Amino acid sequence: MKEKFLGLIKKLVLWGLLPLAFLTFLFVMGEQFEVGRLSAVAGCQDCPDLAICLREKGYLANDPYYPDLSRRYLGAFARAIGSDLGASYRVTPKPSTIPNPPKSNENIDQDIIDATKK
């Protein structure tokens, strides 16, 4: 009886906990890739061309975000699991520097003067 119980525990560890530990390791690796990508995006916010700045740092501006397959798959795995857990990987766009942009080409000068007076 004791041998059957030990065999069951051994199978549980081999087929249950080890794959779970490996998937957790892959998730943590993917999260680190995503943190690096998001910090690169934050560092490139002031650049006039975001795509060129991200390309220089080793990332793509649009989905899939990574030029190589290993980071692409691990990052997608981390985004999938992390978004199910409540994490947000979206980058919010910068707000406009003009308070109320003009709707037409008429009165542009007057709108700019009014915005600077406030």
PDB file of N, CA and C in Angstrom:
ATOM      1  N   MET A   1       0.827  -1.195   0.000  1.00  0.00           N
ATOM      2  CA  MET A   1       0.000   0.000   0.000  1.00  0.00           C
ATOM      3  C   MET A   1       0.870   1.256   0.000  1.00  0.00           C
ATOM      4  N   LYS A   2       1.911   1.221   0.818  1.00  0.00           N
ATOM      5  CA  LYS A   2       2.815   2.362   0.905  1.00  0.00           C
ATOM      6  C   LYS A   2       3.544   2.571  -0.418  1.00  0.00           C
ATOM      7  N   GLU A   3       3.892   1.490  -1.101  1.00  0.00           N
ATOM      8  CA  GLU A   3       4.590   1.579  -2.382  1.00  0.00           C
ATOM      9  C   GLU A   3       3.685   2.182  -3.458  1.00  0.00           C
ATOM     10  N   LYS A   4       2.395   1.829  -3.442  1.00  0.00           N
ATOM     11  CA  LYS A   4       1.452   2.402  -4.410  1.00  0.00           C
ATOM     12  C   LYS A   4       1.289   3.904  -4.177  1.00  0.00           C
ATOM     13  N   PHE A   5       1.225   4.267  -2.908  1.00  0.00           N
ATOM     14  CA  PHE A   5       1.089   5.686  -2.574  1.00  0.00           C
ATOM     15  C   PHE A   5       2.317   6.478  -3.016  1.00  0.00           C
ATOM     16  N   LEU A   6       3.502   5.951  -2.785  1.00  0.00           N
ATOM     17  CA  LEU A   6       4.733   6.613  -3.225  1.00  0.00           C
ATOM     18  C   LEU A   6       4.818   6.676  -4.751  1.00  0.00           C
ATOM     19  N   GLY A   7       4.367   5.639  -5.423  1.00  0.00           N
ATOM     20  CA  GLY A   7       4.338   5.636  -6.890  1.00  0.00           C
ATOM     21  C   GLY A   7       3.380   6.691  -7.429  1.00  0.00           C
ATOM     22  N   LEU A   8       2.236   6.840  -6.748  1.00  0.00           N
ATOM     23  CA  LEU A   8       1.268   7.856  -7.150  1.00  0.00           C
ATOM     24  C   LEU A   8       1.823   9.264  -6.949  1.00  0.00           C
ATOM     25  N   ILE A   9       2.491   9.480  -5.823  1.00  0.00           N
ATOM     26  CA  ILE A   9       3.115  10.786  -5.556  1.00  0.00           C
ATOM     27  C   ILE A   9       4.198  11.081  -6.592  1.00  0.00           C
ATOM     28  N   LYS A  10       4.974  10.069  -6.929  1.00  0.00           N
ATOM     29  CA  LYS A  10       6.039  10.231  -7.914  1.00  0.00           C
ATOM     30  C   LYS A  10       5.458  10.609  -9.280  1.00  0.00           C
ATOM     31  N   LYS A  11       4.398   9.952  -9.698  1.00  0.00           N
ATOM     32  CA  LYS A  11       3.749  10.270 -10.974  1.00  0.00           C
ATOM     33  C   LYS A  11       3.128  11.669 -10.947  1.00  0.00           C
ATOM     34  N   LEU A  12       2.563  12.051  -9.803  1.00  0.00           N
ATOM     35  CA  LEU A  12       1.985  13.383  -9.670  1.00  0.00           C
ATOM     36  C   LEU A  12       3.052  14.463  -9.836  1.00  0.00           C
ATOM     37  N   VAL A  13       4.190  14.248  -9.210  1.00  0.00           N
ATOM     38  CA  VAL A  13       5.281  15.214  -9.330  1.00  0.00           C
ATOM     39  C   VAL A  13       5.806  15.238 -10.757  1.00  0.00           C
ATOM     40  N   LEU A  14       5.978  14.066 -11.346  1.00  0.00           N
ATOM     41  CA  LEU A  14       6.555  13.979 -12.686  1.00  0.00           C
ATOM     42  C   LEU A  14       5.626  14.561 -13.742  1.00  0.00           C
ATOM     43  N   TRP A  15       4.349  14.246 -13.699  1.00  0.00           N
ATOM     44  CA  TRP A  15       3.422  14.668 -14.753  1.00  0.00           C
ATOM     45  C   TRP A  15       2.580  15.884 -14.383  1.00  0.00           C
ATOM     46  N   GLY A  16       2.624  16.324 -13.143  1.00  0.00           N
ATOM     47  CA  GLY A  16       1.815  17.466 -12.729  1.00  0.00           C
ATOM     48  C   GLY A  16       2.618  18.697 -12.380  1.00  0.00           C
ATOM     49  N   LEU A  17       3.526  18.565 -11.445  1.00  0.00           N
ATOM     50  CA  LEU A  17       4.238  19.734 -10.945  1.00  0.00           C
ATOM     51  C   LEU A  17       5.378  20.179 -11.853  1.00  0.00           C
ATOM     52  N   LEU A  18       6.095  19.247 -12.444  1.00  0.00           N
ATOM     53  CA  LEU A  18       7.203  19.648 -13.325  1.00  0.00           C
ATOM     54  C   LEU A  18       6.720  20.397 -14.570  1.00  0.00           C
ATOM     55  N   PRO A  19       5.678  19.945 -15.272  1.00  0.00           N
ATOM     56  CA  PRO A  19       5.180  20.757 -16.396  1.00  0.00           C
ATOM     57  C   PRO A  19       4.631  22.116 -15.956  1.00  0.00           C
ATOM     58  N   LEU A  20       4.001  22.140 -14.795  1.00  0.00           N
ATOM     59  CA  LEU A  20       3.500  23.415 -14.281  1.00  0.00           C
ATOM     60  C   LEU A  20       4.647  24.367 -13.952  1.00  0.00           C
ATOM     61  N   ALA A  21       5.712  23.842 -13.384  1.00  0.00           N
ATOM     62  CA  ALA A  21       6.887  24.671 -13.100  1.00  0.00           C
ATOM     63  C   ALA A  21       7.528  25.165 -14.399  1.00  0.00           C
ATOM     64  N   PHE A  22       7.576  24.320 -15.425  1.00  0.00           N
ATOM     65  CA  PHE A  22       8.151  24.726 -16.703  1.00  0.00           C
ATOM     66  C   PHE A  22       7.303  25.816 -17.362  1.00  0.00           C
ATOM     67  N   LEU A  23       5.979  25.679 -17.337  1.00  0.00           N
ATOM     68  CA  LEU A  23       5.105  26.708 -17.906  1.00  0.00           C
ATOM     69  C   LEU A  23       5.212  28.018 -17.127  1.00  0.00           C
ATOM     70  N   THR A  24       5.370  27.926 -15.829  1.00  0.00           N
ATOM     71  CA  THR A  24       5.569  29.129 -15.022  1.00  0.00           C
ATOM     72  C   THR A  24       6.876  29.812 -15.396  1.00  0.00           C
ATOM     73  N   PHE A  25       7.922  29.038 -15.610  1.00  0.00           N
ATOM     74  CA  PHE A  25       9.202  29.589 -16.050  1.00  0.00           C
ATOM     75  C   PHE A  25       9.057  30.294 -17.397  1.00  0.00           C
ATOM     76  N   LEU A  26       8.343  29.678 -18.348  1.00  0.00           N
ATOM     77  CA  LEU A  26       8.136  30.308 -19.657  1.00  0.00           C
ATOM     78  C   LEU A  26       7.333  31.598 -19.533  1.00  0.00           C
ATOM     79  N   PHE A  27       6.344  31.611 -18.653  1.00  0.00           N
ATOM     80  CA  PHE A  27       5.555  32.818 -18.440  1.00  0.00           C
ATOM     81  C   PHE A  27       6.414  33.948 -17.882  1.00  0.00           C
ATOM     82  N   VAL A  28       7.274  33.630 -16.918  1.00  0.00           N
ATOM     83  CA  VAL A  28       8.149  34.648 -16.325  1.00  0.00           C
ATOM     84  C   VAL A  28       9.122  35.186 -17.376  1.00  0.00           C
ATOM     85  N   MET A  29       9.641  34.317 -18.226  1.00  0.00           N
ATOM     86  CA  MET A  29      10.533  34.766 -19.305  1.00  0.00           C
ATOM     87  C   MET A  29       9.783  35.709 -20.257  1.00  0.00           C
ATOM     88  N   GLY A  30       8.574  35.335 -20.644  1.00  0.00           N
ATOM     89  CA  GLY A  30       7.777  36.180 -21.526  1.00  0.00           C
ATOM     90  C   GLY A  30       7.444  37.514 -20.895  1.00  0.00           C
ATOM     91  N   GLU A  31       7.167  37.520 -19.604  1.00  0.00           N
ATOM     92  CA  GLU A  31       6.893  38.771 -18.901  1.00  0.00           C
ATOM     93  C   GLU A  31       8.103  39.692 -18.927  1.00  0.00           C
ATOM     94  N   GLN A  32       9.280  39.133 -18.792  1.00  0.00           N
ATOM     95  CA  GLN A  32      10.492  39.949 -18.846  1.00  0.00           C
ATOM     96  C   GLN A  32      10.682  40.550 -20.230  1.00  0.00           C
ATOM     97  N   PHE A  33      10.353  39.797 -21.267  1.00  0.00           N
ATOM     98  CA  PHE A  33      10.416  40.349 -22.627  1.00  0.00           C
ATOM     99  C   PHE A  33       9.414  41.486 -22.796  1.00  0.00           C
ATOM    100  N   GLU A  34       8.218  41.312 -22.243  1.00  0.00           N
ATOM    101  CA  GLU A  34       7.196  42.352 -22.354  1.00  0.00           C
ATOM    102  C   GLU A  34       7.587  43.598 -21.563  1.00  0.00           C
ATOM    103  N   VAL A  35       8.188  43.431 -20.409  1.00  0.00           N
ATOM    104  CA  VAL A  35       8.645  44.583 -19.638  1.00  0.00           C
ATOM    105  C   VAL A  35       9.705  45.348 -20.411  1.00  0.00           C
ATOM    106  N   GLY A  36      10.609  44.627 -21.060  1.00  0.00           N
ATOM    107  CA  GLY A  36      11.629  45.277 -21.884  1.00  0.00           C
ATOM    108  C   GLY A  36      11.024  46.023 -23.058  1.00  0.00           C
ATOM    109  N   ARG A  37      10.016  45.422 -23.692  1.00  0.00           N
ATOM    110  CA  ARG A  37       9.361  46.085 -24.833  1.00  0.00           C
ATOM    111  C   ARG A  37       8.624  47.343 -24.382  1.00  0.00           C
ATOM    112  N   LEU A  38       7.898  47.246 -23.276  1.00  0.00           N
ATOM    113  CA  LEU A  38       7.153  48.404 -22.799  1.00  0.00           C
ATOM    114  C   LEU A  38       8.076  49.522 -22.318  1.00  0.00           C
ATOM    115  N   SER A  39       9.220  49.169 -21.752  1.00  0.00           N
ATOM    116  CA  SER A  39      10.174  50.219 -21.367  1.00  0.00           C
ATOM    117  C   SER A  39      10.803  50.859 -22.594  1.00  0.00           C
ATOM    118  N   ALA A  40      10.996  50.092 -23.670  1.00  0.00           N
ATOM    119  CA  ALA A  40      11.501  50.674 -24.919  1.00  0.00           C
ATOM    120  C   ALA A  40      10.470  51.613 -25.529  1.00  0.00           C
ATOM    121  N   VAL A  41       9.208  51.237 -25.466  1.00  0.00           N
ATOM    122  CA  VAL A  41       8.145  52.117 -25.975  1.00  0.00           C
ATOM    123  C   VAL A  41       8.086  53.399 -25.158  1.00  0.00           C
ATOM    124  N   ALA A  42       8.224  53.282 -23.844  1.00  0.00           N
ATOM    125  CA  ALA A  42       8.213  54.477 -22.988  1.00  0.00           C
ATOM    126  C   ALA A  42       9.432  55.350 -23.272  1.00  0.00           C
ATOM    127  N   GLY A  43      10.563  54.748 -23.568  1.00  0.00           N
ATOM    128  CA  GLY A  43      11.754  55.522 -23.876  1.00  0.00           C
ATOM    129  C   GLY A  43      11.688  56.215 -25.217  1.00  0.00           C
ATOM    130  N   CYS A  44      10.855  55.707 -26.108  1.00  0.00           N
ATOM    131  CA  CYS A  44      10.743  56.286 -27.450  1.00  0.00           C
ATOM    132  C   CYS A  44       9.556  57.235 -27.591  1.00  0.00           C
ATOM    133  N   GLN A  45       8.857  57.551 -26.526  1.00  0.00           N
ATOM    134  CA  GLN A  45       7.675  58.401 -26.618  1.00  0.00           C
ATOM    135  C   GLN A  45       7.996  59.801 -27.146  1.00  0.00           C
ATOM    136  N   ASP A  46       9.174  60.326 -26.840  1.00  0.00           N
ATOM    137  CA  ASP A  46       9.514  61.680 -27.256  1.00  0.00           C
ATOM    138  C   ASP A  46      10.094  61.737 -28.663  1.00  0.00           C
ATOM    139  N   CYS A  47      10.368  60.620 -29.276  1.00  0.00           N
ATOM    140  CA  CYS A  47      10.943  60.599 -30.621  1.00  0.00           C
ATOM    141  C   CYS A  47       9.875  60.946 -31.654  1.00  0.00           C
ATOM    142  N   PRO A  48      10.260  61.659 -32.707  1.00  0.00           N
ATOM    143  CA  PRO A  48       9.265  61.999 -33.729  1.00  0.00           C
ATOM    144  C   PRO A  48       8.782  60.778 -34.507  1.00  0.00           C
ATOM    145  N   ASP A  49       9.639  59.785 -34.718  1.00  0.00           N
ATOM    146  CA  ASP A  49       9.232  58.574 -35.424  1.00  0.00           C
ATOM    147  C   ASP A  49       9.408  57.381 -34.493  1.00  0.00           C
ATOM    148  N   LEU A  50       8.305  56.912 -33.949  1.00  0.00           N
ATOM    149  CA  LEU A  50       8.315  55.839 -32.960  1.00  0.00           C
ATOM    150  C   LEU A  50       8.825  54.533 -33.564  1.00  0.00           C
ATOM    151  N   ALA A  51       8.457  54.246 -34.808  1.00  0.00           N
ATOM    152  CA  ALA A  51       8.837  52.980 -35.437  1.00  0.00           C
ATOM    153  C   ALA A  51      10.350  52.868 -35.598  1.00  0.00           C
ATOM    154  N   ILE A  52      10.999  53.948 -35.997  1.00  0.00           N
ATOM    155  CA  ILE A  52      12.450  53.915 -36.184  1.00  0.00           C
ATOM    156  C   ILE A  52      13.149  53.763 -34.837  1.00  0.00           C
ATOM    157  N   CYS A  53      12.679  54.458 -33.832  1.00  0.00           N
ATOM    158  CA  CYS A  53      13.281  54.363 -32.505  1.00  0.00           C
ATOM    159  C   CYS A  53      13.150  52.949 -31.944  1.00  0.00           C
ATOM    160  N   LEU A  54      11.983  52.344 -32.085  1.00  0.00           N
ATOM    161  CA  LEU A  54      11.790  50.984 -31.597  1.00  0.00           C
ATOM    162  C   LEU A  54      12.629  49.989 -32.379  1.00  0.00           C
ATOM    163  N   ARG A  55      12.762  50.206 -33.684  1.00  0.00           N
ATOM    164  CA  ARG A  55      13.578  49.319 -34.517  1.00  0.00           C
ATOM    165  C   ARG A  55      15.041  49.363 -34.074  1.00  0.00           C
ATOM    166  N   GLU A  56      15.516  50.551 -33.698  1.00  0.00           N
ATOM    167  CA  GLU A  56      16.894  50.669 -33.212  1.00  0.00           C
ATOM    168  C   GLU A  56      17.096  49.931 -31.898  1.00  0.00           C
ATOM    169  N   LYS A  57      16.042  49.829 -31.106  1.00  0.00           N
ATOM    170  CA  LYS A  57      16.146  49.131 -29.819  1.00  0.00           C
ATOM    171  C   LYS A  57      15.844  47.643 -29.942  1.00  0.00           C
ATOM    172  N   GLY A  58      15.524  47.166 -31.139  1.00  0.00           N
ATOM    173  CA  GLY A  58      15.320  45.737 -31.362  1.00  0.00           C
ATOM    174  C   GLY A  58      13.890  45.270 -31.307  1.00  0.00           C
ATOM    175  N   TYR A  59      12.933  46.173 -31.480  1.00  0.00           N
ATOM    176  CA  TYR A  59      11.521  45.805 -31.431  1.00  0.00           C
ATOM    177  C   TYR A  59      10.824  46.303 -32.683  1.00  0.00           C
ATOM    178  N   LEU A  60       9.638  45.767 -32.940  1.00  0.00           N
ATOM    179  CA  LEU A  60       8.800  46.241 -34.032  1.00  0.00           C
ATOM    180  C   LEU A  60       7.713  47.134 -33.460  1.00  0.00           C
ATOM    181  N   ALA A  61       7.241  48.089 -34.265  1.00  0.00           N
ATOM    182  CA  ALA A  61       6.249  49.036 -33.767  1.00  0.00           C
ATOM    183  C   ALA A  61       4.861  48.413 -33.643  1.00  0.00           C
ATOM    184  N   ASN A  62       4.553  47.426 -34.463  1.00  0.00           N
ATOM    185  CA  ASN A  62       3.222  46.804 -34.459  1.00  0.00           C
ATOM    186  C   ASN A  62       3.327  45.337 -34.075  1.00  0.00           C
ATOM    187  N   ASP A  63       2.154  44.728 -33.872  1.00  0.00           N
ATOM    188  CA  ASP A  63       2.109  43.315 -33.558  1.00  0.00           C
ATOM    189  C   ASP A  63       2.792  42.543 -34.677  1.00  0.00           C
ATOM    190  N   PRO A  64       3.712  41.672 -34.436  1.00  0.00           N
ATOM    191  CA  PRO A  64       4.061  40.834 -33.310  1.00  0.00           C
ATOM    192  C   PRO A  64       5.128  41.408 -32.384  1.00  0.00           C
ATOM    193  N   TYR A  65       5.616  42.597 -32.588  1.00  0.00           N
ATOM    194  CA  TYR A  65       6.509  43.356 -31.707  1.00  0.00           C
ATOM    195  C   TYR A  65       7.951  42.859 -31.652  1.00  0.00           C
ATOM    196  N   TYR A  66       8.207  41.590 -31.960  1.00  0.00           N
ATOM    197  CA  TYR A  66       9.562  41.046 -31.876  1.00  0.00           C
ATOM    198  C   TYR A  66       9.977  40.502 -33.237  1.00  0.00           C
ATOM    199  N   PRO A  67      11.212  40.764 -33.664  1.00  0.00           N
ATOM    200  CA  PRO A  67      11.651  40.243 -34.955  1.00  0.00           C
ATOM    201  C   PRO A  67      12.030  38.758 -34.924  1.00  0.00           C
ATOM    202  N   ASP A  68      12.321  38.184 -33.766  1.00  0.00           N
ATOM    203  CA  ASP A  68      12.716  36.775 -33.705  1.00  0.00           C
ATOM    204  C   ASP A  68      11.604  35.936 -33.088  1.00  0.00           C
ATOM    205  N   LEU A  69      11.577  34.661 -33.456  1.00  0.00           N
ATOM    206  CA  LEU A  69      10.465  33.794 -33.073  1.00  0.00           C
ATOM    207  C   LEU A  69      10.424  33.449 -31.592  1.00  0.00           C
ATOM    208  N   SER A  70      11.561  33.279 -30.947  1.00  0.00           N
ATOM    209  CA  SER A  70      11.526  32.862 -29.539  1.00  0.00           C
ATOM    210  C   SER A  70      10.888  33.940 -28.672  1.00  0.00           C
ATOM    211  N   ARG A  71      11.318  35.202 -28.825  1.00  0.00           N
ATOM    212  CA  ARG A  71      10.700  36.285 -28.051  1.00  0.00           C
ATOM    213  C   ARG A  71       9.255  36.502 -28.483  1.00  0.00           C
ATOM    214  N   ARG A  72       8.963  36.299 -29.757  1.00  0.00           N
ATOM    215  CA  ARG A  72       7.595  36.482 -30.260  1.00  0.00           C
ATOM    216  C   ARG A  72       6.644  35.503 -29.585  1.00  0.00           C
ATOM    217  N   TYR A  73       7.021  34.215 -29.532  1.00  0.00           N
ATOM    218  CA  TYR A  73       6.141  33.207 -28.929  1.00  0.00           C
ATOM    219  C   TYR A  73       6.045  33.361 -27.416  1.00  0.00           C
ATOM    220  N   LEU A  74       7.166  33.618 -26.763  1.00  0.00           N
ATOM    221  CA  LEU A  74       7.112  33.773 -25.308  1.00  0.00           C
ATOM    222  C   LEU A  74       6.373  35.049 -24.913  1.00  0.00           C
ATOM    223  N   GLY A  75       6.544  36.123 -25.681  1.00  0.00           N
ATOM    224  CA  GLY A  75       5.812  37.353 -25.401  1.00  0.00           C
ATOM    225  C   GLY A  75       4.315  37.183 -25.612  1.00  0.00           C
ATOM    226  N   ALA A  76       3.938  36.475 -26.684  1.00  0.00           N
ATOM    227  CA  ALA A  76       2.511  36.229 -26.933  1.00  0.00           C
ATOM    228  C   ALA A  76       1.921  35.338 -25.842  1.00  0.00           C
ATOM    229  N   PHE A  77       2.687  34.344 -25.394  1.00  0.00           N
ATOM    230  CA  PHE A  77       2.226  33.473 -24.303  1.00  0.00           C
ATOM    231  C   PHE A  77       2.020  34.279 -23.027  1.00  0.00           C
ATOM    232  N   ALA A  78       2.968  35.158 -22.722  1.00  0.00           N
ATOM    233  CA  ALA A  78       2.849  35.977 -21.514  1.00  0.00           C
ATOM    234  C   ALA A  78       1.691  36.959 -21.626  1.00  0.00           C
ATOM    235  N   ARG A  79       1.483  37.558 -22.813  1.00  0.00           N
ATOM    236  CA  ARG A  79       0.344  38.473 -22.994  1.00  0.00           C
ATOM    237  C   ARG A  79      -0.975  37.734 -22.846  1.00  0.00           C
ATOM    238  N   ALA A  80      -1.050  36.511 -23.358  1.00  0.00           N
ATOM    239  CA  ALA A  80      -2.292  35.739 -23.270  1.00  0.00           C
ATOM    240  C   ALA A  80      -2.612  35.378 -21.818  1.00  0.00           C
ATOM    241  N   ILE A  81      -1.635  34.852 -21.110  1.00  0.00           N
ATOM    242  CA  ILE A  81      -1.861  34.457 -19.714  1.00  0.00           C
ATOM    243  C   ILE A  81      -2.032  35.699 -18.837  1.00  0.00           C
ATOM    244  N   GLY A  82      -1.187  36.701 -19.049  1.00  0.00           N
ATOM    245  CA  GLY A  82      -1.252  37.911 -18.229  1.00  0.00           C
ATOM    246  C   GLY A  82      -2.537  38.686 -18.409  1.00  0.00           C
ATOM    247  N   SER A  83      -3.050  38.731 -19.645  1.00  0.00           N
ATOM    248  CA  SER A  83      -4.313  39.444 -19.847  1.00  0.00           C
ATOM    249  C   SER A  83      -5.473  38.689 -19.202  1.00  0.00           C
ATOM    250  N   ASP A  84      -5.389  37.363 -19.155  1.00  0.00           N
ATOM    251  CA  ASP A  84      -6.408  36.596 -18.424  1.00  0.00           C
ATOM    252  C   ASP A  84      -6.334  36.860 -16.924  1.00  0.00           C
ATOM    253  N   LEU A  85      -5.147  37.170 -16.438  1.00  0.00           N
ATOM    254  CA  LEU A  85      -4.968  37.462 -15.019  1.00  0.00           C
ATOM    255  C   LEU A  85      -5.242  38.927 -14.679  1.00  0.00           C
ATOM    256  N   GLY A  86      -5.489  39.760 -15.704  1.00  0.00           N
ATOM    257  CA  GLY A  86      -5.860  41.153 -15.454  1.00  0.00           C
ATOM    258  C   GLY A  86      -4.806  42.175 -15.807  1.00  0.00           C
ATOM    259  N   ALA A  87      -3.693  41.765 -16.384  1.00  0.00           N
ATOM    260  CA  ALA A  87      -2.646  42.720 -16.757  1.00  0.00           C
ATOM    261  C   ALA A  87      -3.015  43.405 -18.071  1.00  0.00           C
ATOM    262  N   SER A  88      -2.527  44.619 -18.240  1.00  0.00           N
ATOM    263  CA  SER A  88      -2.763  45.370 -19.472  1.00  0.00           C
ATOM    264  C   SER A  88      -1.423  45.641 -20.137  1.00  0.00           C
ATOM    265  N   TYR A  89      -1.312  45.258 -21.398  1.00  0.00           N
ATOM    266  CA  TYR A  89      -0.077  45.454 -22.145  1.00  0.00           C
ATOM    267  C   TYR A  89      -0.243  46.529 -23.211  1.00  0.00           C
ATOM    268  N   ARG A  90      -1.301  47.287 -23.151  1.00  0.00           N
ATOM    269  CA  ARG A  90      -1.556  48.327 -24.140  1.00  0.00           C
ATOM    270  C   ARG A  90      -0.756  49.569 -23.805  1.00  0.00           C
ATOM    271  N   VAL A  91      -0.334  50.236 -24.848  1.00  0.00           N
ATOM    272  CA  VAL A  91       0.389  51.492 -24.692  1.00  0.00           C
ATOM    273  C   VAL A  91      -0.590  52.600 -25.038  1.00  0.00           C
ATOM    274  N   THR A  92      -0.828  53.503 -24.093  1.00  0.00           N
ATOM    275  CA  THR A  92      -1.765  54.589 -24.345  1.00  0.00           C
ATOM    276  C   THR A  92      -1.076  55.670 -25.169  1.00  0.00           C
ATOM    277  N   PRO A  93      -1.768  56.234 -26.143  1.00  0.00           N
ATOM    278  CA  PRO A  93      -1.150  57.282 -26.953  1.00  0.00           C
ATOM    279  C   PRO A  93      -0.963  58.567 -26.153  1.00  0.00           C
ATOM    280  N   LYS A  94       0.008  59.363 -26.592  1.00  0.00           N
ATOM    281  CA  LYS A  94       0.256  60.635 -25.921  1.00  0.00           C
ATOM    282  C   LYS A  94      -0.914  61.578 -26.164  1.00  0.00           C
ATOM    283  N   PRO A  95      -1.287  62.372 -25.180  1.00  0.00           N
ATOM    284  CA  PRO A  95      -2.352  63.343 -25.401  1.00  0.00           C
ATOM    285  C   PRO A  95      -1.863  64.469 -26.311  1.00  0.00           C
ATOM    286  N   SER A  96      -2.800  65.090 -26.969  1.00  0.00           N
ATOM    287  CA  SER A  96      -2.483  66.190 -27.873  1.00  0.00           C
ATOM    288  C   SER A  96      -1.988  67.397 -27.086  1.00  0.00           C
ATOM    289  N   THR A  97      -1.031  68.116 -27.654  1.00  0.00           N
ATOM    290  CA  THR A  97      -0.503  69.295 -26.968  1.00  0.00           C
ATOM    291  C   THR A  97      -1.395  70.512 -27.192  1.00  0.00           C
ATOM    292  N   ILE A  98      -2.226  70.489 -28.229  1.00  0.00           N
ATOM    293  CA  ILE A  98      -3.162  71.585 -28.471  1.00  0.00           C
ATOM    294  C   ILE A  98      -4.433  71.288 -27.682  1.00  0.00           C
ATOM    295  N   PRO A  99      -4.904  72.211 -26.831  1.00  0.00           N
ATOM    296  CA  PRO A  99      -6.069  71.915 -25.990  1.00  0.00           C
ATOM    297  C   PRO A  99      -7.315  71.553 -26.796  1.00  0.00           C
ATOM    298  N   ASN A 100      -7.677  72.351 -27.766  1.00  0.00           N
ATOM    299  CA  ASN A 100      -8.824  72.088 -28.625  1.00  0.00           C
ATOM    300  C   ASN A 100      -8.386  72.315 -30.070  1.00  0.00           C
ATOM    301  N   PRO A 101      -8.036  71.261 -30.802  1.00  0.00           N
ATOM    302  CA  PRO A 101      -7.578  71.480 -32.172  1.00  0.00           C
ATOM    303  C   PRO A 101      -8.699  72.060 -33.029  1.00  0.00           C
ATOM    304  N   PRO A 102      -8.366  72.960 -33.975  1.00  0.00           N
ATOM    305  CA  PRO A 102      -9.398  73.566 -34.818  1.00  0.00           C
ATOM    306  C   PRO A 102     -10.037  72.525 -35.723  1.00  0.00           C
ATOM    307  N   LYS A 103     -11.322  72.712 -35.989  1.00  0.00           N
ATOM    308  CA  LYS A 103     -12.065  71.769 -36.805  1.00  0.00           C
ATOM    309  C   LYS A 103     -11.936  72.069 -38.293  1.00  0.00           C
ATOM    310  N   SER A 104     -11.606  73.283 -38.645  1.00  0.00           N
ATOM    311  CA  SER A 104     -11.426  73.625 -40.049  1.00  0.00           C
ATOM    312  C   SER A 104     -10.209  74.521 -40.192  1.00  0.00           C
ATOM    313  N   ASN A 105      -9.879  74.867 -41.426  1.00  0.00           N
ATOM    314  CA  ASN A 105      -8.716  75.713 -41.675  1.00  0.00           C
ATOM    315  C   ASN A 105      -9.011  77.189 -41.404  1.00  0.00           C
ATOM    316  N   GLU A 106     -10.258  77.537 -41.269  1.00  0.00           N
ATOM    317  CA  GLU A 106     -10.624  78.922 -40.996  1.00  0.00           C
ATOM    318  C   GLU A 106     -10.356  79.242 -39.525  1.00  0.00           C
ATOM    319  N   ASN A 107      -9.947  80.421 -39.271  1.00  0.00           N
ATOM    320  CA  ASN A 107      -9.729  80.941 -37.916  1.00  0.00           C
ATOM    321  C   ASN A 107      -8.664  80.158 -37.132  1.00  0.00           C
ATOM    322  N   ILE A 108      -7.697  79.580 -37.809  1.00  0.00           N
ATOM    323  CA  ILE A 108      -6.644  78.842 -37.118  1.00  0.00           C
ATOM    324  C   ILE A 108      -5.819  79.799 -36.262  1.00  0.00           C
ATOM    325  N   ASP A 109      -5.469  80.954 -36.835  1.00  0.00           N
ATOM    326  CA  ASP A 109      -4.664  81.916 -36.083  1.00  0.00           C
ATOM    327  C   ASP A 109      -5.417  82.399 -34.848  1.00  0.00           C
ATOM    328  N   GLN A 110      -6.698  82.654 -34.979  1.00  0.00           N
ATOM    329  CA  GLN A 110      -7.488  83.130 -33.850  1.00  0.00           C
ATOM    330  C   GLN A 110      -7.586  82.045 -32.771  1.00  0.00           C
ATOM    331  N   ASP A 111      -7.736  80.782 -33.181  1.00  0.00           N
ATOM    332  CA  ASP A 111      -7.803  79.690 -32.202  1.00  0.00           C
ATOM    333  C   ASP A 111      -6.489  79.549 -31.449  1.00  0.00           C
ATOM    334  N   ILE A 112      -5.368  79.705 -32.127  1.00  0.00           N
ATOM    335  CA  ILE A 112      -4.065  79.589 -31.462  1.00  0.00           C
ATOM    336  C   ILE A 112      -3.873  80.746 -30.485  1.00  0.00           C
ATOM    337  N   ILE A 113      -4.277  81.937 -30.873  1.00  0.00           N
ATOM    338  CA  ILE A 113      -4.171  83.099 -29.986  1.00  0.00           C
ATOM    339  C   ILE A 113      -5.045  82.907 -28.757  1.00  0.00           C
ATOM    340  N   ASP A 114      -6.260  82.384 -28.946  1.00  0.00           N
ATOM    341  CA  ASP A 114      -7.156  82.159 -27.829  1.00  0.00           C
ATOM    342  C   ASP A 114      -6.597  81.078 -26.897  1.00  0.00           C
ATOM    343  N   ALA A 115      -5.965  80.064 -27.448  1.00  0.00           N
ATOM    344  CA  ALA A 115      -5.409  78.974 -26.624  1.00  0.00           C
ATOM    345  C   ALA A 115      -4.225  79.467 -25.801  1.00  0.00           C
ATOM    346  N   THR A 116      -3.438  80.382 -26.350  1.00  0.00           N
ATOM    347  CA  THR A 116      -2.267  80.859 -25.614  1.00  0.00           C
ATOM    348  C   THR A 116      -2.663  81.883 -24.532  1.00  0.00           C
ATOM    349  N   LYS A 117      -3.789  82.524 -24.700  1.00  0.00           N
ATOM    350  CA  LYS A 117      -4.240  83.499 -23.687  1.00  0.00           C
ATOM    351  C   LYS A 117      -4.747  82.819 -22.429  1.00  0.00           C
ATOM    352  N   LYS A 118      -5.202  81.585 -22.533  1.00  0.00           N
ATOM    353  CA  LYS A 118      -5.800  80.889 -21.377  1.00  0.00           C
ATOM    354  C   LYS A 118      -4.800  80.381 -20.449  1.00  0.00           C
TER     355      LYS A 118
END
